[in-house]
């Protein structure tokens, strides 16, 4: 991979894009698509599902902040694990001091960590442990891993994921997202990035022990997911459904604001899908493309900006990726 020069616009755009998407989706999480077609979200609203004020973000952002904080402090999976425990137990990096909207697989894994289980063994490995709870917190790695050889990128991404989600399907999904995002980080056109990502992932996993899992990603890797109709796209918390929805949304909309609003209005896992999609859209369209009123309403906005600034400054130190 060529040298990538990070800009504040990319780092701020991606992370704020993620958080804003999360906050837009929180009030209508679990609402059905049919209901949202009649009552679409068009702006930042509050209350709803969790009865929280406008700008409230969920575990998606909380765990993303935990990863950013760990990367700032010279990441290790042990350090990240401890931050995740403090989030669950003490409300660290929550909007109002208490964790909420916690996925089953994620909570079980963190309880395992609390009991002293290694972060290399804490994550769910079963067929039913393929929710989107690792995919939703993996985004900051694209900046940390810039310029790192492919094998090392996969190793670190898998390590971060397997703290909670260790099934090969989840690991592949995370690497699809990371590789697509890194190509966008190189300022590639989004359709070109999508096509290149497909070739990279197929090359990485063909003739490996993970190859059997590629059948679950055929609509992304062997077809053109953006050509599918709305009714073909499922917006559930299953990691494959989530990834398909995210890429479909990103490729079919032409601005940050329209992308995240459409993500929310797909229904079901609204906060997570809008967050993950918003991370790509914010990276691609930039910080300035995000509705400023939405940013200004975010809970703990000053803390968020401080964290992003410290992350950006850390990323400028070459040793961060060793």
Protein backbone atom coordinates (compact mmCIF):
# COMPACT_ATOMS: atom_id res chain seq x y z
CA UNK A 1 0.00 0.00 0.00
CA UNK A 2 1.25 3.46 -0.81
CA UNK A 3 2.02 6.10 1.75
CA UNK A 4 -1.12 7.67 3.15
CA UNK A 5 -1.02 11.22 4.44
CA UNK A 6 -3.81 11.65 6.95
CA UNK A 7 -5.79 14.85 7.09
CA UNK A 8 -7.88 16.21 9.93
CA UNK A 9 -10.81 16.29 7.52
CA UNK A 10 -10.58 12.51 7.13
CA UNK A 11 -10.10 11.67 10.80
CA UNK A 12 -12.73 14.10 12.10
CA UNK A 13 -15.10 13.31 9.23
CA UNK A 14 -14.97 9.58 9.75
CA UNK A 15 -15.29 9.53 13.54
CA UNK A 16 -17.88 12.30 13.77
CA UNK A 17 -19.71 10.73 10.86
CA UNK A 18 -19.90 7.50 12.83
CA UNK A 19 -21.12 9.13 16.06
CA UNK A 20 -23.73 11.30 14.33
CA UNK A 21 -25.09 8.25 12.50
CA UNK A 22 -25.33 6.41 15.81
CA UNK A 23 -27.17 9.30 17.50
CA UNK A 24 -29.59 9.68 14.58
CA UNK A 25 -30.51 6.01 14.84
CA UNK A 26 -30.82 5.59 18.62
CA UNK A 27 -34.37 7.01 19.01
CA UNK A 28 -35.86 4.63 16.43
CA UNK A 29 -33.86 1.47 17.02
CA UNK A 30 -35.99 -1.64 16.38
CA UNK A 31 -38.63 0.32 14.44
CA UNK A 32 -39.75 -1.57 11.37
CA UNK A 33 -38.97 -0.29 7.88
CA UNK A 34 -42.65 -0.02 7.03
CA UNK A 35 -43.24 2.27 10.02
CA UNK A 36 -40.29 4.48 9.11
CA UNK A 37 -41.47 4.74 5.51
CA UNK A 38 -44.56 6.45 6.89
CA UNK A 39 -42.70 8.34 9.65
CA UNK A 40 -39.19 8.93 8.27
CA UNK A 41 -36.41 10.43 10.35
CA UNK A 42 -35.33 13.68 8.67
CA UNK A 43 -33.39 15.34 11.49
CA UNK A 44 -31.77 14.67 14.86
CA UNK A 45 -34.56 13.72 17.24
CA UNK A 46 -34.63 12.49 20.82
CA UNK A 47 -36.38 10.16 23.24
CA UNK A 48 -38.08 7.29 21.41
CA UNK A 49 -36.68 3.81 22.06
CA UNK A 50 -34.48 4.70 25.06
CA UNK A 51 -36.13 7.97 26.13
CA UNK A 52 -32.86 9.90 25.77
CA UNK A 53 -32.30 13.49 24.59
CA UNK A 54 -31.32 14.32 20.99
CA UNK A 55 -27.65 13.64 20.32
CA UNK A 56 -27.43 10.58 22.56
CA UNK A 57 -25.15 7.87 21.21
CA UNK A 58 -25.07 4.20 22.07
CA UNK A 59 -22.63 1.38 22.76
CA UNK A 60 -21.45 1.63 19.15
CA UNK A 61 -19.77 4.96 19.86
CA UNK A 62 -18.82 4.06 23.43
CA UNK A 63 -16.79 1.04 22.34
CA UNK A 64 -15.31 2.96 19.43
CA UNK A 65 -14.14 5.59 21.93
CA UNK A 66 -12.63 2.81 24.07
CA UNK A 67 -10.63 1.63 21.07
CA UNK A 68 -9.49 5.17 20.20
CA UNK A 69 -8.40 5.75 23.80
CA UNK A 70 -6.48 2.50 23.77
CA UNK A 71 -4.77 3.39 20.48
CA UNK A 72 -3.75 6.74 21.93
CA UNK A 73 -2.20 4.96 24.91
CA UNK A 74 -0.19 2.47 22.85
CA UNK A 75 -2.80 -0.21 22.19
CA UNK A 76 -2.72 -3.73 23.54
CA UNK A 77 -5.68 -6.08 23.62
CA UNK A 78 -5.31 -6.26 27.41
CA UNK A 79 -5.56 -2.48 27.69
CA UNK A 80 -8.58 -2.40 25.36
CA UNK A 81 -10.23 -5.20 27.33
CA UNK A 82 -9.88 -3.26 30.57
CA UNK A 83 -11.43 -0.19 28.97
CA UNK A 84 -14.37 -2.28 27.78
CA UNK A 85 -14.86 -3.65 31.30
CA UNK A 86 -14.87 -0.11 32.71
CA UNK A 87 -17.43 0.92 30.10
CA UNK A 88 -19.78 -1.89 31.10
CA UNK A 89 -19.23 -1.68 34.87
CA UNK A 90 -18.54 2.01 35.49
CA UNK A 91 -20.08 3.78 32.49
CA UNK A 92 -16.74 4.99 31.12
CA UNK A 93 -17.24 6.61 27.70
CA UNK A 94 -21.02 6.61 27.92
CA UNK A 95 -23.11 9.73 27.26
CA UNK A 96 -24.70 9.82 30.74
CA UNK A 97 -22.66 7.50 32.96
CA UNK A 98 -24.38 4.19 32.28
CA UNK A 99 -24.00 1.64 29.50
CA UNK A 100 -27.12 0.67 27.55
CA UNK A 101 -28.13 -1.23 24.40
CA UNK A 102 -25.53 -3.96 24.95
CA UNK A 103 -25.38 -6.91 22.57
CA UNK A 104 -25.59 -10.42 24.00
CA UNK A 105 -22.29 -11.65 22.55
CA UNK A 106 -20.45 -8.48 23.59
CA UNK A 107 -21.76 -8.56 27.16
CA UNK A 108 -20.97 -12.24 27.60
CA UNK A 109 -17.41 -11.70 26.34
CA UNK A 110 -16.81 -8.77 28.69
CA UNK A 111 -18.13 -10.80 31.63
CA UNK A 112 -15.58 -13.44 30.63
CA UNK A 113 -12.83 -10.82 30.66
CA UNK A 114 -13.94 -9.73 34.13
CA UNK A 115 -13.44 -13.27 35.32
CA UNK A 116 -9.87 -13.32 34.04
CA UNK A 117 -10.36 -15.06 30.69
CA UNK A 118 -7.72 -14.03 28.14
CA UNK A 119 -8.85 -11.54 25.46
CA UNK A 120 -7.60 -14.12 22.96
CA UNK A 121 -10.22 -16.57 24.26
CA UNK A 122 -13.09 -14.38 25.46
CA UNK A 123 -14.93 -13.86 22.18
CA UNK A 124 -17.83 -15.94 20.93
CA UNK A 125 -16.84 -18.56 18.35
CA UNK A 126 -20.21 -20.06 17.53
CA UNK A 127 -22.46 -19.70 14.48
CA UNK A 128 -24.83 -17.56 16.55
CA UNK A 129 -22.06 -15.20 17.69
CA UNK A 130 -22.04 -13.30 14.40
CA UNK A 131 -23.77 -10.11 15.40
CA UNK A 132 -22.31 -6.75 14.38
CA UNK A 133 -20.81 -5.96 17.81
CA UNK A 134 -17.20 -6.06 16.61
CA UNK A 135 -17.83 -4.47 13.21
CA UNK A 136 -19.42 -1.51 14.98
CA UNK A 137 -16.22 -0.60 16.86
CA UNK A 138 -13.46 -1.43 14.38
CA UNK A 139 -13.32 1.85 12.40
CA UNK A 140 -10.42 3.62 14.21
CA UNK A 141 -8.08 0.84 13.11
CA UNK A 142 -8.02 2.19 9.55
CA UNK A 143 -5.97 5.15 10.75
CA UNK A 144 -3.79 3.14 13.11
CA UNK A 145 -2.96 0.59 10.39
CA UNK A 146 -2.19 2.98 7.54
CA UNK A 147 0.88 1.81 5.67
CA UNK A 148 1.05 -1.48 7.59
CA UNK A 149 1.52 -4.67 5.51
CA UNK A 150 -1.66 -6.61 4.75
CA UNK A 151 -0.84 -9.58 6.96
CA UNK A 152 -0.22 -7.30 9.94
CA UNK A 153 -3.45 -5.40 9.30
CA UNK A 154 -5.40 -8.65 9.37
CA UNK A 155 -3.62 -9.83 12.50
CA UNK A 156 -4.41 -6.67 14.46
CA UNK A 157 -7.99 -6.43 13.16
CA UNK A 158 -8.63 -10.06 14.11
CA UNK A 159 -7.12 -9.50 17.55
CA UNK A 160 -9.37 -6.50 18.21
CA UNK A 161 -12.44 -8.33 16.96
CA UNK A 162 -11.93 -11.61 18.77
CA UNK A 163 -12.16 -9.96 22.18
CA UNK A 164 -15.91 -10.23 21.63
CA UNK A 165 -16.48 -11.87 18.23
CA UNK A 166 -14.09 -14.63 17.18
CA UNK A 167 -16.04 -16.55 14.54
CA UNK A 168 -14.35 -16.45 11.09
CA UNK A 169 -17.43 -14.81 9.55
CA UNK A 170 -17.13 -11.81 11.85
CA UNK A 171 -13.39 -11.58 11.20
CA UNK A 172 -13.92 -11.56 7.43
CA UNK A 173 -16.65 -8.92 7.72
CA UNK A 174 -14.36 -6.66 9.71
CA UNK A 175 -11.56 -7.02 7.20
CA UNK A 176 -13.89 -6.25 4.29
CA UNK A 177 -14.89 -3.02 6.02
CA UNK A 178 -11.32 -2.09 6.94
CA UNK A 179 -9.92 -2.73 3.47
CA UNK A 180 -12.71 -0.72 1.83
CA UNK A 181 -12.15 2.15 4.25
CA UNK A 182 -8.37 2.13 3.76
CA UNK A 183 -8.86 2.37 0.00
CA UNK A 184 -11.14 5.38 0.60
CA UNK A 185 -8.44 6.80 2.86
CA UNK A 186 -6.19 6.72 -0.22
CA UNK A 187 -8.70 9.07 -1.91
CA UNK A 188 -10.00 6.47 -4.35
CA UNK A 189 -13.40 6.78 -5.97
CA UNK A 190 -15.91 4.81 -3.93
CA UNK A 191 -16.87 2.45 -6.78
CA UNK A 192 -13.22 1.82 -7.65
CA UNK A 193 -12.48 1.20 -3.97
CA UNK A 194 -15.33 -1.30 -3.79
CA UNK A 195 -14.07 -3.23 -6.84
CA UNK A 196 -10.49 -3.24 -5.55
CA UNK A 197 -11.60 -4.37 -2.10
CA UNK A 198 -13.35 -7.38 -3.63
CA UNK A 199 -10.16 -8.54 -5.31
CA UNK A 200 -8.10 -8.02 -2.16
CA UNK A 201 -10.46 -10.00 0.05
CA UNK A 202 -10.91 -12.87 -2.41
CA UNK A 203 -7.14 -13.12 -2.78
CA UNK A 204 -6.65 -13.07 1.00
CA UNK A 205 -9.08 -15.83 1.85
CA UNK A 206 -9.20 -18.14 -1.18
CA UNK A 207 -7.32 -21.39 -0.48
CA UNK A 208 -7.30 -20.74 3.27
CA UNK A 209 -9.18 -22.34 6.15
CA UNK A 210 -11.60 -19.38 6.02
CA UNK A 211 -12.55 -19.92 2.37
CA UNK A 212 -15.70 -21.84 3.27
CA UNK A 213 -17.05 -18.66 4.88
CA UNK A 214 -16.79 -16.64 1.66
CA UNK A 215 -20.12 -18.07 0.47
CA UNK A 216 -21.83 -15.82 3.02
CA UNK A 217 -20.35 -12.75 1.34
CA UNK A 218 -21.08 -13.60 -2.30
CA UNK A 219 -23.50 -10.68 -2.77
CA UNK A 220 -20.71 -8.30 -1.72
CA UNK A 221 -17.66 -10.02 -3.21
CA UNK A 222 -18.90 -11.79 -6.35
CA UNK A 223 -21.85 -9.60 -7.27
CA UNK A 224 -22.42 -5.84 -7.12
CA UNK A 225 -24.30 -5.24 -3.88
CA UNK A 226 -25.29 -1.70 -4.89
CA UNK A 227 -27.38 -3.02 -7.80
CA UNK A 228 -29.74 -4.88 -5.49
CA UNK A 229 -33.22 -3.52 -4.78
CA UNK A 230 -34.23 -2.06 -1.42
CA UNK A 231 -36.35 -5.10 -0.60
CA UNK A 232 -33.26 -7.31 -1.04
CA UNK A 233 -31.39 -5.45 1.72
CA UNK A 234 -31.86 -6.56 5.32
CA UNK A 235 -30.98 -4.15 8.13
CA UNK A 236 -30.62 -6.59 11.00
CA UNK A 237 -27.84 -6.97 13.56
CA UNK A 238 -26.47 -10.08 11.80
CA UNK A 239 -23.00 -9.09 10.66
CA UNK A 240 -23.51 -10.07 7.00
CA UNK A 241 -26.85 -8.23 6.76
CA UNK A 242 -25.27 -5.17 8.39
CA UNK A 243 -22.25 -5.14 6.07
CA UNK A 244 -24.42 -5.56 2.98
CA UNK A 245 -26.67 -2.71 4.08
CA UNK A 246 -23.69 -0.44 4.86
CA UNK A 247 -22.01 -0.91 1.48
CA UNK A 248 -25.34 -0.69 -0.37
CA UNK A 249 -26.16 2.59 1.34
CA UNK A 250 -22.71 4.07 0.84
CA UNK A 251 -22.64 3.28 -2.87
CA UNK A 252 -26.23 4.35 -3.58
CA UNK A 253 -26.25 7.79 -1.93
CA UNK A 254 -24.29 10.90 -2.87
CA UNK A 255 -23.83 12.88 0.35
CA UNK A 256 -23.13 12.26 4.01
CA UNK A 257 -26.48 13.55 5.25
CA UNK A 258 -28.61 11.60 2.76
CA UNK A 259 -26.60 8.42 3.41
CA UNK A 260 -27.09 8.34 7.18
CA UNK A 261 -30.74 9.36 7.02
CA UNK A 262 -31.44 6.58 4.56
CA UNK A 263 -29.53 4.20 6.83
CA UNK A 264 -31.74 5.11 9.78
CA UNK A 265 -34.88 4.75 7.71
CA UNK A 266 -34.03 1.19 6.72
CA UNK A 267 -35.28 0.31 10.21
CA UNK A 268 -34.37 -2.41 12.71
CA UNK A 269 -30.73 -1.98 13.86
CA UNK A 270 -30.87 1.70 13.01
CA UNK A 271 -28.12 3.07 15.24
CA UNK A 272 -25.45 0.55 14.34
CA UNK A 273 -26.09 0.52 10.61
CA UNK A 274 -26.20 4.33 10.47
CA UNK A 275 -23.02 4.54 12.56
CA UNK A 276 -21.00 2.09 10.46
CA UNK A 277 -22.28 3.65 7.24
CA UNK A 278 -21.65 7.13 8.62
CA UNK A 279 -18.03 6.23 9.26
CA UNK A 280 -17.49 5.52 5.57
CA UNK A 281 -19.56 8.47 4.39
CA UNK A 282 -17.85 10.89 6.77
CA UNK A 283 -14.46 9.66 5.59
CA UNK A 284 -15.42 9.99 1.92
CA UNK A 285 -17.33 13.28 1.96
CA UNK A 286 -15.37 14.89 4.82
CA UNK A 287 -16.07 16.63 8.11
CA UNK A 288 -17.51 19.72 6.43
CA UNK A 289 -20.22 17.65 4.75
CA UNK A 290 -21.87 16.70 8.06
CA UNK A 291 -24.87 18.73 9.23
CA UNK A 292 -23.37 21.09 11.83
CA UNK A 293 -26.54 21.17 13.88
CA UNK A 294 -26.32 17.40 14.30
CA UNK A 295 -22.72 17.64 15.49
CA UNK A 296 -23.56 20.45 17.92
CA UNK A 297 -26.27 18.34 19.57
CA UNK A 298 -23.98 15.41 20.37
CA UNK A 299 -23.75 14.48 24.04
CA UNK A 300 -20.29 15.24 25.47
CA UNK A 301 -19.30 17.06 22.28
CA UNK A 302 -16.27 18.72 23.88
CA UNK A 303 -14.96 15.39 25.19
CA UNK A 304 -15.42 13.86 21.76
CA UNK A 305 -13.52 16.64 20.00
CA UNK A 306 -10.73 16.41 22.57
CA UNK A 307 -10.45 12.65 22.02
CA UNK A 308 -10.35 12.99 18.23
CA UNK A 309 -7.72 15.72 18.42
CA UNK A 310 -5.52 13.62 20.71
CA UNK A 311 -5.98 10.66 18.36
CA UNK A 312 -5.00 12.71 15.33
CA UNK A 313 -1.87 14.00 17.06
CA UNK A 314 -0.93 10.46 18.09
CA UNK A 315 -1.41 9.21 14.52
CA UNK A 316 1.23 11.68 13.36
CA UNK A 317 3.84 9.79 15.40
CA UNK A 318 5.29 7.03 13.17
CA UNK A 319 5.80 4.57 16.05
CA UNK A 320 2.04 4.28 16.63
CA UNK A 321 1.73 1.48 14.10
CA UNK A 322 4.69 -0.65 15.18
